[in-house]
């Protein structure tokens, strides 16, 4: 989905919604994907700017993962935008215990 479509949706139709960065599957059920901190930071900055510009409610940015390797350079993820709350969602993988 393009930035423009997200911008219209978040500004006009669903202003109380958030965004999820999900690199879970490069090839569903075959190869686990990933996302780099730089990409997360670009999304977070874009979301913060959009929120401030249009005086929208704070946005939630969900970073989904189920392995540590799914977020590359995790220590470089920026969390300093007041307009964006960052939630790292970690769920399980594999068969039930």
PDB file of N, CA and C in Angstrom:
ATOM      1  N   UNK A   1       0.844  -1.160   0.000  1.00  0.00           N
ATOM      2  CA  UNK A   1       0.000   0.000   0.000  1.00  0.00           C
ATOM      3  C   UNK A   1       0.902   1.240   0.000  1.00  0.00           C
ATOM      4  N   UNK A   2       0.558   2.227  -0.785  1.00  0.00           N
ATOM      5  CA  UNK A   2       1.408   3.410  -0.922  1.00  0.00           C
ATOM      6  C   UNK A   2       1.252   4.355   0.267  1.00  0.00           C
ATOM      7  N   UNK A   3       2.259   5.230   0.428  1.00  0.00           N
ATOM      8  CA  UNK A   3       2.214   6.246   1.483  1.00  0.00           C
ATOM      9  C   UNK A   3       0.978   7.115   1.332  1.00  0.00           C
ATOM     10  N   UNK A   4       0.628   7.438   0.093  1.00  0.00           N
ATOM     11  CA  UNK A   4      -0.532   8.295  -0.147  1.00  0.00           C
ATOM     12  C   UNK A   4      -1.806   7.655   0.386  1.00  0.00           C
ATOM     13  N   UNK A   5      -1.999   6.390   0.104  1.00  0.00           N
ATOM     14  CA  UNK A   5      -3.202   5.689   0.573  1.00  0.00           C
ATOM     15  C   UNK A   5      -3.243   5.678   2.095  1.00  0.00           C
ATOM     16  N   UNK A   6      -2.105   5.373   2.726  1.00  0.00           N
ATOM     17  CA  UNK A   6      -2.045   5.392   4.200  1.00  0.00           C
ATOM     18  C   UNK A   6      -2.394   6.776   4.715  1.00  0.00           C
ATOM     19  N   UNK A   7      -1.847   7.790   4.076  1.00  0.00           N
ATOM     20  CA  UNK A   7      -2.082   9.172   4.510  1.00  0.00           C
ATOM     21  C   UNK A   7      -3.573   9.499   4.488  1.00  0.00           C
ATOM     22  N   UNK A   8      -4.245   9.152   3.406  1.00  0.00           N
ATOM     23  CA  UNK A   8      -5.681   9.415   3.281  1.00  0.00           C
ATOM     24  C   UNK A   8      -6.463   8.620   4.322  1.00  0.00           C
ATOM     25  N   UNK A   9      -6.144   7.356   4.467  1.00  0.00           N
ATOM     26  CA  UNK A   9      -6.863   6.519   5.436  1.00  0.00           C
ATOM     27  C   UNK A   9      -6.700   7.031   6.860  1.00  0.00           C
ATOM     28  N   UNK A  10      -5.475   7.306   7.258  1.00  0.00           N
ATOM     29  CA  UNK A  10      -5.209   7.719   8.636  1.00  0.00           C
ATOM     30  C   UNK A  10      -5.739   9.120   8.938  1.00  0.00           C
ATOM     31  N   UNK A  11      -5.757   9.967   7.940  1.00  0.00           N
ATOM     32  CA  UNK A  11      -6.195  11.341   8.153  1.00  0.00           C
ATOM     33  C   UNK A  11      -7.714  11.468   8.085  1.00  0.00           C
ATOM     34  N   UNK A  12      -8.342  10.796   7.146  1.00  0.00           N
ATOM     35  CA  UNK A  12      -9.750  11.043   6.868  1.00  0.00           C
ATOM     36  C   UNK A  12     -10.723   9.978   7.361  1.00  0.00           C
ATOM     37  N   UNK A  13     -10.392   8.738   7.142  1.00  0.00           N
ATOM     38  CA  UNK A  13     -11.374   7.695   7.391  1.00  0.00           C
ATOM     39  C   UNK A  13     -11.228   6.998   8.743  1.00  0.00           C
ATOM     40  N   UNK A  14     -10.024   6.783   9.165  1.00  0.00           N
ATOM     41  CA  UNK A  14      -9.794   6.059  10.427  1.00  0.00           C
ATOM     42  C   UNK A  14      -8.725   6.778  11.258  1.00  0.00           C
ATOM     43  N   UNK A  15      -9.015   8.020  11.698  1.00  0.00           N
ATOM     44  CA  UNK A  15      -7.991   8.813  12.378  1.00  0.00           C
ATOM     45  C   UNK A  15      -7.544   8.242  13.716  1.00  0.00           C
ATOM     46  N   UNK A  16      -8.283   7.340  14.306  1.00  0.00           N
ATOM     47  CA  UNK A  16      -7.882   6.761  15.591  1.00  0.00           C
ATOM     48  C   UNK A  16      -7.180   5.412  15.437  1.00  0.00           C
ATOM     49  N   UNK A  17      -6.781   5.084  14.234  1.00  0.00           N
ATOM     50  CA  UNK A  17      -6.098   3.814  14.002  1.00  0.00           C
ATOM     51  C   UNK A  17      -4.586   3.996  14.018  1.00  0.00           C
ATOM     52  N   UNK A  18      -3.867   2.888  13.958  1.00  0.00           N
ATOM     53  CA  UNK A  18      -2.415   2.908  13.942  1.00  0.00           C
ATOM     54  C   UNK A  18      -1.869   2.128  12.758  1.00  0.00           C
ATOM     55  N   UNK A  19      -0.583   1.794  12.839  1.00  0.00           N
ATOM     56  CA  UNK A  19       0.113   1.109  11.751  1.00  0.00           C
ATOM     57  C   UNK A  19       0.922  -0.038  12.339  1.00  0.00           C
ATOM     58  N   UNK A  20       1.053  -1.108  11.582  1.00  0.00           N
ATOM     59  CA  UNK A  20       1.859  -2.254  12.012  1.00  0.00           C
ATOM     60  C   UNK A  20       2.971  -2.525  11.004  1.00  0.00           C
ATOM     61  N   UNK A  21       4.207  -2.641  11.507  1.00  0.00           N
ATOM     62  CA  UNK A  21       5.335  -3.084  10.679  1.00  0.00           C
ATOM     63  C   UNK A  21       5.473  -4.579  10.914  1.00  0.00           C
ATOM     64  N   UNK A  22       5.320  -5.343   9.878  1.00  0.00           N
ATOM     65  CA  UNK A  22       5.317  -6.788  10.033  1.00  0.00           C
ATOM     66  C   UNK A  22       6.176  -7.415   8.942  1.00  0.00           C
ATOM     67  N   UNK A  23       7.343  -7.869   9.319  1.00  0.00           N
ATOM     68  CA  UNK A  23       8.224  -8.532   8.363  1.00  0.00           C
ATOM     69  C   UNK A  23       8.177 -10.039   8.518  1.00  0.00           C
ATOM     70  N   UNK A  24       7.060 -10.571   9.036  1.00  0.00           N
ATOM     71  CA  UNK A  24       7.027 -11.968   9.428  1.00  0.00           C
ATOM     72  C   UNK A  24       7.417 -12.980   8.370  1.00  0.00           C
ATOM     73  N   UNK A  25       6.831 -12.891   7.215  1.00  0.00           N
ATOM     74  CA  UNK A  25       7.100 -13.950   6.239  1.00  0.00           C
ATOM     75  C   UNK A  25       7.538 -13.378   4.902  1.00  0.00           C
ATOM     76  N   UNK A  26       8.749 -13.719   4.539  1.00  0.00           N
ATOM     77  CA  UNK A  26       9.223 -13.380   3.205  1.00  0.00           C
ATOM     78  C   UNK A  26       8.544 -14.325   2.217  1.00  0.00           C
ATOM     79  N   UNK A  27       8.490 -15.598   2.583  1.00  0.00           N
ATOM     80  CA  UNK A  27       7.742 -16.627   1.862  1.00  0.00           C
ATOM     81  C   UNK A  27       6.895 -17.307   2.925  1.00  0.00           C
ATOM     82  N   UNK A  28       5.582 -17.050   2.953  1.00  0.00           N
ATOM     83  CA  UNK A  28       4.740 -17.580   4.023  1.00  0.00           C
ATOM     84  C   UNK A  28       4.984 -19.058   4.314  1.00  0.00           C
ATOM     85  N   UNK A  29       5.212 -19.317   5.585  1.00  0.00           N
ATOM     86  CA  UNK A  29       5.442 -20.654   6.128  1.00  0.00           C
ATOM     87  C   UNK A  29       6.703 -21.329   5.600  1.00  0.00           C
ATOM     88  N   UNK A  30       7.549 -20.590   4.878  1.00  0.00           N
ATOM     89  CA  UNK A  30       8.784 -21.158   4.360  1.00  0.00           C
ATOM     90  C   UNK A  30      10.019 -20.396   4.837  1.00  0.00           C
ATOM     91  N   UNK A  31      10.004 -19.066   4.710  1.00  0.00           N
ATOM     92  CA  UNK A  31      11.164 -18.266   5.079  1.00  0.00           C
ATOM     93  C   UNK A  31      10.711 -17.048   5.884  1.00  0.00           C
ATOM     94  N   UNK A  32      11.274 -16.901   7.076  1.00  0.00           N
ATOM     95  CA  UNK A  32      10.929 -15.783   7.944  1.00  0.00           C
ATOM     96  C   UNK A  32      11.573 -14.515   7.410  1.00  0.00           C
ATOM     97  N   UNK A  33      10.791 -13.451   7.312  1.00  0.00           N
ATOM     98  CA  UNK A  33      11.293 -12.171   6.832  1.00  0.00           C
ATOM     99  C   UNK A  33      11.828 -11.329   7.977  1.00  0.00           C
ATOM    100  N   UNK A  34      12.149 -10.075   7.684  1.00  0.00           N
ATOM    101  CA  UNK A  34      12.677  -9.169   8.702  1.00  0.00           C
ATOM    102  C   UNK A  34      12.438  -7.731   8.278  1.00  0.00           C
ATOM    103  N   UNK A  35      12.663  -6.819   9.226  1.00  0.00           N
ATOM    104  CA  UNK A  35      12.574  -5.391   8.967  1.00  0.00           C
ATOM    105  C   UNK A  35      13.774  -4.743   9.656  1.00  0.00           C
ATOM    106  N   UNK A  36      14.322  -3.713   9.033  1.00  0.00           N
ATOM    107  CA  UNK A  36      15.486  -3.038   9.586  1.00  0.00           C
ATOM    108  C   UNK A  36      15.039  -1.820  10.401  1.00  0.00           C
ATOM    109  N   UNK A  37      15.814  -1.465  11.423  1.00  0.00           N
ATOM    110  CA  UNK A  37      15.500  -0.303  12.258  1.00  0.00           C
ATOM    111  C   UNK A  37      15.331   0.959  11.413  1.00  0.00           C
ATOM    112  N   UNK A  38      16.111   1.117  10.374  1.00  0.00           N
ATOM    113  CA  UNK A  38      16.003   2.304   9.518  1.00  0.00           C
ATOM    114  C   UNK A  38      14.612   2.410   8.898  1.00  0.00           C
ATOM    115  N   UNK A  39      14.046   1.280   8.471  1.00  0.00           N
ATOM    116  CA  UNK A  39      12.704   1.287   7.897  1.00  0.00           C
ATOM    117  C   UNK A  39      11.660   1.619   8.966  1.00  0.00           C
ATOM    118  N   UNK A  40      11.809   1.036  10.145  1.00  0.00           N
ATOM    119  CA  UNK A  40      10.896   1.346  11.248  1.00  0.00           C
ATOM    120  C   UNK A  40      10.962   2.836  11.572  1.00  0.00           C
ATOM    121  N   UNK A  41      12.165   3.391  11.599  1.00  0.00           N
ATOM    122  CA  UNK A  41      12.343   4.810  11.904  1.00  0.00           C
ATOM    123  C   UNK A  41      11.711   5.705  10.842  1.00  0.00           C
ATOM    124  N   UNK A  42      11.818   5.315   9.574  1.00  0.00           N
ATOM    125  CA  UNK A  42      11.181   6.096   8.498  1.00  0.00           C
ATOM    126  C   UNK A  42       9.660   6.109   8.679  1.00  0.00           C
ATOM    127  N   UNK A  43       9.099   4.955   8.991  1.00  0.00           N
ATOM    128  CA  UNK A  43       7.650   4.862   9.198  1.00  0.00           C
ATOM    129  C   UNK A  43       7.242   5.689  10.415  1.00  0.00           C
ATOM    130  N   UNK A  44       7.996   5.579  11.497  1.00  0.00           N
ATOM    131  CA  UNK A  44       7.691   6.312  12.720  1.00  0.00           C
ATOM    132  C   UNK A  44       7.749   7.822  12.492  1.00  0.00           C
ATOM    133  N   UNK A  45       8.767   8.288  11.797  1.00  0.00           N
ATOM    134  CA  UNK A  45       8.896   9.719  11.517  1.00  0.00           C
ATOM    135  C   UNK A  45       7.764  10.207  10.622  1.00  0.00           C
ATOM    136  N   UNK A  46       7.456   9.435   9.587  1.00  0.00           N
ATOM    137  CA  UNK A  46       6.358   9.794   8.684  1.00  0.00           C
ATOM    138  C   UNK A  46       5.046   9.876   9.458  1.00  0.00           C
ATOM    139  N   UNK A  47       4.806   8.892  10.313  1.00  0.00           N
ATOM    140  CA  UNK A  47       3.582   8.847  11.099  1.00  0.00           C
ATOM    141  C   UNK A  47       3.511  10.013  12.080  1.00  0.00           C
ATOM    142  N   UNK A  48       4.624  10.339  12.718  1.00  0.00           N
ATOM    143  CA  UNK A  48       4.677  11.470  13.650  1.00  0.00           C
ATOM    144  C   UNK A  48       4.394  12.781  12.921  1.00  0.00           C
ATOM    145  N   UNK A  49       5.006  12.961  11.743  1.00  0.00           N
ATOM    146  CA  UNK A  49       4.788  14.184  10.964  1.00  0.00           C
ATOM    147  C   UNK A  49       3.326  14.309  10.538  1.00  0.00           C
ATOM    148  N   UNK A  50       2.741  13.228  10.050  1.00  0.00           N
ATOM    149  CA  UNK A  50       1.344  13.229   9.627  1.00  0.00           C
ATOM    150  C   UNK A  50       0.432  13.568  10.805  1.00  0.00           C
ATOM    151  N   UNK A  51       0.691  12.962  11.942  1.00  0.00           N
ATOM    152  CA  UNK A  51      -0.121  13.172  13.141  1.00  0.00           C
ATOM    153  C   UNK A  51      -0.040  14.621  13.610  1.00  0.00           C
ATOM    154  N   UNK A  52       1.156  15.169  13.640  1.00  0.00           N
ATOM    155  CA  UNK A  52       1.335  16.562  14.068  1.00  0.00           C
ATOM    156  C   UNK A  52       0.703  17.537  13.074  1.00  0.00           C
ATOM    157  N   UNK A  53       0.944  17.293  11.787  1.00  0.00           N
ATOM    158  CA  UNK A  53       0.446  18.188  10.744  1.00  0.00           C
ATOM    159  C   UNK A  53      -1.072  18.305  10.757  1.00  0.00           C
ATOM    160  N   UNK A  54      -1.763  17.198  11.009  1.00  0.00           N
ATOM    161  CA  UNK A  54      -3.227  17.183  10.946  1.00  0.00           C
ATOM    162  C   UNK A  54      -3.873  17.138  12.329  1.00  0.00           C
ATOM    163  N   UNK A  55      -3.053  17.320  13.361  1.00  0.00           N
ATOM    164  CA  UNK A  55      -3.535  17.351  14.739  1.00  0.00           C
ATOM    165  C   UNK A  55      -4.400  16.129  15.049  1.00  0.00           C
ATOM    166  N   UNK A  56      -3.882  14.967  14.690  1.00  0.00           N
ATOM    167  CA  UNK A  56      -4.580  13.701  14.918  1.00  0.00           C
ATOM    168  C   UNK A  56      -4.221  13.155  16.291  1.00  0.00           C
ATOM    169  N   UNK A  57      -5.032  12.218  16.800  1.00  0.00           N
ATOM    170  CA  UNK A  57      -4.672  11.559  18.060  1.00  0.00           C
ATOM    171  C   UNK A  57      -3.364  10.780  17.899  1.00  0.00           C
ATOM    172  N   UNK A  58      -2.675  10.555  19.008  1.00  0.00           N
ATOM    173  CA  UNK A  58      -1.429   9.788  18.971  1.00  0.00           C
ATOM    174  C   UNK A  58      -1.662   8.467  18.240  1.00  0.00           C
ATOM    175  N   UNK A  59      -0.686   8.080  17.429  1.00  0.00           N
ATOM    176  CA  UNK A  59      -0.770   6.834  16.663  1.00  0.00           C
ATOM    177  C   UNK A  59       0.021   5.742  17.357  1.00  0.00           C
ATOM    178  N   UNK A  60      -0.454   4.527  17.217  1.00  0.00           N
ATOM    179  CA  UNK A  60       0.248   3.355  17.720  1.00  0.00           C
ATOM    180  C   UNK A  60       0.962   2.690  16.549  1.00  0.00           C
ATOM    181  N   UNK A  61       2.256   2.494  16.692  1.00  0.00           N
ATOM    182  CA  UNK A  61       3.055   1.772  15.700  1.00  0.00           C
ATOM    183  C   UNK A  61       3.407   0.425  16.311  1.00  0.00           C
ATOM    184  N   UNK A  62       2.869  -0.642  15.738  1.00  0.00           N
ATOM    185  CA  UNK A  62       3.097  -1.993  16.248  1.00  0.00           C
ATOM    186  C   UNK A  62       4.210  -2.630  15.428  1.00  0.00           C
ATOM    187  N   UNK A  63       5.212  -3.101  16.117  1.00  0.00           N
ATOM    188  CA  UNK A  63       6.334  -3.793  15.487  1.00  0.00           C
ATOM    189  C   UNK A  63       6.187  -5.269  15.829  1.00  0.00           C
ATOM    190  N   UNK A  64       5.721  -6.058  14.860  1.00  0.00           N
ATOM    191  CA  UNK A  64       5.421  -7.467  15.087  1.00  0.00           C
ATOM    192  C   UNK A  64       6.636  -8.340  14.820  1.00  0.00           C
ATOM    193  N   UNK A  65       6.836  -9.295  15.714  1.00  0.00           N
ATOM    194  CA  UNK A  65       7.950 -10.232  15.528  1.00  0.00           C
ATOM    195  C   UNK A  65       7.692 -11.481  16.336  1.00  0.00           C
ATOM    196  N   UNK A  66       8.368 -12.558  15.946  1.00  0.00           N
ATOM    197  CA  UNK A  66       8.345 -13.751  16.788  1.00  0.00           C
ATOM    198  C   UNK A  66       9.709 -14.396  16.915  1.00  0.00           C
ATOM    199  N   UNK A  67      10.736 -13.745  16.350  1.00  0.00           N
ATOM    200  CA  UNK A  67      12.130 -14.127  16.605  1.00  0.00           C
ATOM    201  C   UNK A  67      12.941 -12.838  16.752  1.00  0.00           C
ATOM    202  N   UNK A  68      14.054 -12.912  17.443  1.00  0.00           N
ATOM    203  CA  UNK A  68      14.905 -11.734  17.638  1.00  0.00           C
ATOM    204  C   UNK A  68      15.435 -11.207  16.303  1.00  0.00           C
ATOM    205  N   UNK A  69      15.750 -12.095  15.379  1.00  0.00           N
ATOM    206  CA  UNK A  69      16.346 -11.706  14.097  1.00  0.00           C
ATOM    207  C   UNK A  69      15.377 -10.966  13.175  1.00  0.00           C
ATOM    208  N   UNK A  70      14.102 -10.924  13.510  1.00  0.00           N
ATOM    209  CA  UNK A  70      13.122 -10.285  12.628  1.00  0.00           C
ATOM    210  C   UNK A  70      13.248  -8.760  12.614  1.00  0.00           C
ATOM    211  N   UNK A  71      13.901  -8.182  13.637  1.00  0.00           N
ATOM    212  CA  UNK A  71      14.132  -6.734  13.662  1.00  0.00           C
ATOM    213  C   UNK A  71      15.644  -6.511  13.683  1.00  0.00           C
ATOM    214  N   UNK A  72      16.195  -6.169  12.515  1.00  0.00           N
ATOM    215  CA  UNK A  72      17.635  -5.949  12.412  1.00  0.00           C
ATOM    216  C   UNK A  72      18.011  -4.596  13.016  1.00  0.00           C
ATOM    217  N   UNK A  73      19.134  -4.539  13.712  1.00  0.00           N
ATOM    218  CA  UNK A  73      19.638  -3.312  14.350  1.00  0.00           C
ATOM    219  C   UNK A  73      18.602  -2.739  15.319  1.00  0.00           C
ATOM    220  N   UNK A  74      17.992  -3.607  16.088  1.00  0.00           N
ATOM    221  CA  UNK A  74      16.912  -3.225  17.000  1.00  0.00           C
ATOM    222  C   UNK A  74      17.303  -2.068  17.928  1.00  0.00           C
ATOM    223  N   UNK A  75      18.543  -2.029  18.345  1.00  0.00           N
ATOM    224  CA  UNK A  75      19.000  -0.970  19.259  1.00  0.00           C
ATOM    225  C   UNK A  75      18.979   0.416  18.611  1.00  0.00           C
ATOM    226  N   UNK A  76      18.789   0.486  17.297  1.00  0.00           N
ATOM    227  CA  UNK A  76      18.736   1.765  16.594  1.00  0.00           C
ATOM    228  C   UNK A  76      17.308   2.254  16.344  1.00  0.00           C
ATOM    229  N   UNK A  77      16.309   1.497  16.809  1.00  0.00           N
ATOM    230  CA  UNK A  77      14.920   1.931  16.652  1.00  0.00           C
ATOM    231  C   UNK A  77      14.705   3.154  17.542  1.00  0.00           C
ATOM    232  N   UNK A  78      14.230   4.238  16.929  1.00  0.00           N
ATOM    233  CA  UNK A  78      14.009   5.493  17.653  1.00  0.00           C
ATOM    234  C   UNK A  78      12.618   5.496  18.283  1.00  0.00           C
ATOM    235  N   UNK A  79      12.564   5.973  19.527  1.00  0.00           N
ATOM    236  CA  UNK A  79      11.284   5.995  20.253  1.00  0.00           C
ATOM    237  C   UNK A  79      10.978   7.394  20.786  1.00  0.00           C
ATOM    238  N   UNK A  80      11.496   8.409  20.140  1.00  0.00           N
ATOM    239  CA  UNK A  80      11.399   9.761  20.688  1.00  0.00           C
ATOM    240  C   UNK A  80      10.315  10.639  20.067  1.00  0.00           C
ATOM    241  N   UNK A  81       9.386  10.072  19.326  1.00  0.00           N
ATOM    242  CA  UNK A  81       8.290  10.854  18.752  1.00  0.00           C
ATOM    243  C   UNK A  81       7.091  10.792  19.699  1.00  0.00           C
ATOM    244  N   UNK A  82       6.711  11.929  20.276  1.00  0.00           N
ATOM    245  CA  UNK A  82       5.558  11.962  21.185  1.00  0.00           C
ATOM    246  C   UNK A  82       4.260  11.592  20.477  1.00  0.00           C
ATOM    247  N   UNK A  83       4.203  11.814  19.180  1.00  0.00           N
ATOM    248  CA  UNK A  83       2.984  11.540  18.407  1.00  0.00           C
ATOM    249  C   UNK A  83       2.779  10.050  18.142  1.00  0.00           C
ATOM    250  N   UNK A  84       3.811   9.246  18.415  1.00  0.00           N
ATOM    251  CA  UNK A  84       3.765   7.811  18.097  1.00  0.00           C
ATOM    252  C   UNK A  84       4.143   6.993  19.323  1.00  0.00           C
ATOM    253  N   UNK A  85       3.263   6.061  19.676  1.00  0.00           N
ATOM    254  CA  UNK A  85       3.592   5.093  20.718  1.00  0.00           C
ATOM    255  C   UNK A  85       4.058   3.820  20.032  1.00  0.00           C
ATOM    256  N   UNK A  86       5.193   3.279  20.455  1.00  0.00           N
ATOM    257  CA  UNK A  86       5.741   2.064  19.831  1.00  0.00           C
ATOM    258  C   UNK A  86       5.447   0.865  20.711  1.00  0.00           C
ATOM    259  N   UNK A  87       4.857  -0.154  20.116  1.00  0.00           N
ATOM    260  CA  UNK A  87       4.572  -1.408  20.806  1.00  0.00           C
ATOM    261  C   UNK A  87       5.287  -2.525  20.057  1.00  0.00           C
ATOM    262  N   UNK A  88       6.147  -3.268  20.760  1.00  0.00           N
ATOM    263  CA  UNK A  88       6.782  -4.431  20.159  1.00  0.00           C
ATOM    264  C   UNK A  88       5.953  -5.638  20.558  1.00  0.00           C
ATOM    265  N   UNK A  89       5.330  -6.267  19.572  1.00  0.00           N
ATOM    266  CA  UNK A  89       4.454  -7.405  19.807  1.00  0.00           C
ATOM    267  C   UNK A  89       5.225  -8.680  19.502  1.00  0.00           C
ATOM    268  N   UNK A  90       5.473  -9.463  20.528  1.00  0.00           N
ATOM    269  CA  UNK A  90       6.242 -10.708  20.381  1.00  0.00           C
ATOM    270  C   UNK A  90       5.276 -11.853  20.625  1.00  0.00           C
ATOM    271  N   UNK A  91       5.108 -12.713  19.644  1.00  0.00           N
ATOM    272  CA  UNK A  91       4.253 -13.873  19.865  1.00  0.00           C
ATOM    273  C   UNK A  91       5.043 -15.145  19.602  1.00  0.00           C
ATOM    274  N   UNK A  92       4.414 -16.241  19.871  1.00  0.00           N
ATOM    275  CA  UNK A  92       5.102 -17.522  19.788  1.00  0.00           C
ATOM    276  C   UNK A  92       5.167 -18.101  18.398  1.00  0.00           C
ATOM    277  N   UNK A  93       5.995 -19.117  18.303  1.00  0.00           N
ATOM    278  CA  UNK A  93       6.142 -19.843  17.055  1.00  0.00           C
ATOM    279  C   UNK A  93       6.352 -21.307  17.429  1.00  0.00           C
ATOM    280  N   UNK A  94       5.767 -22.177  16.682  1.00  0.00           N
ATOM    281  CA  UNK A  94       5.941 -23.599  16.954  1.00  0.00           C
ATOM    282  C   UNK A  94       4.705 -24.226  17.575  1.00  0.00           C
ATOM    283  N   UNK A  95       4.860 -25.455  17.996  1.00  0.00           N
ATOM    284  CA  UNK A  95       3.712 -26.172  18.544  1.00  0.00           C
ATOM    285  C   UNK A  95       3.495 -25.782  20.011  1.00  0.00           C
ATOM    286  N   UNK A  96       2.246 -25.948  20.492  1.00  0.00           N
ATOM    287  CA  UNK A  96       1.945 -25.621  21.886  1.00  0.00           C
ATOM    288  C   UNK A  96       2.780 -26.490  22.830  1.00  0.00           C
ATOM    289  N   UNK A  97       3.153 -25.929  23.975  1.00  0.00           N
ATOM    290  CA  UNK A  97       3.963 -26.632  24.968  1.00  0.00           C
ATOM    291  C   UNK A  97       3.179 -27.649  25.655  1.00  0.00           C
TER     292      UNK A  97
END
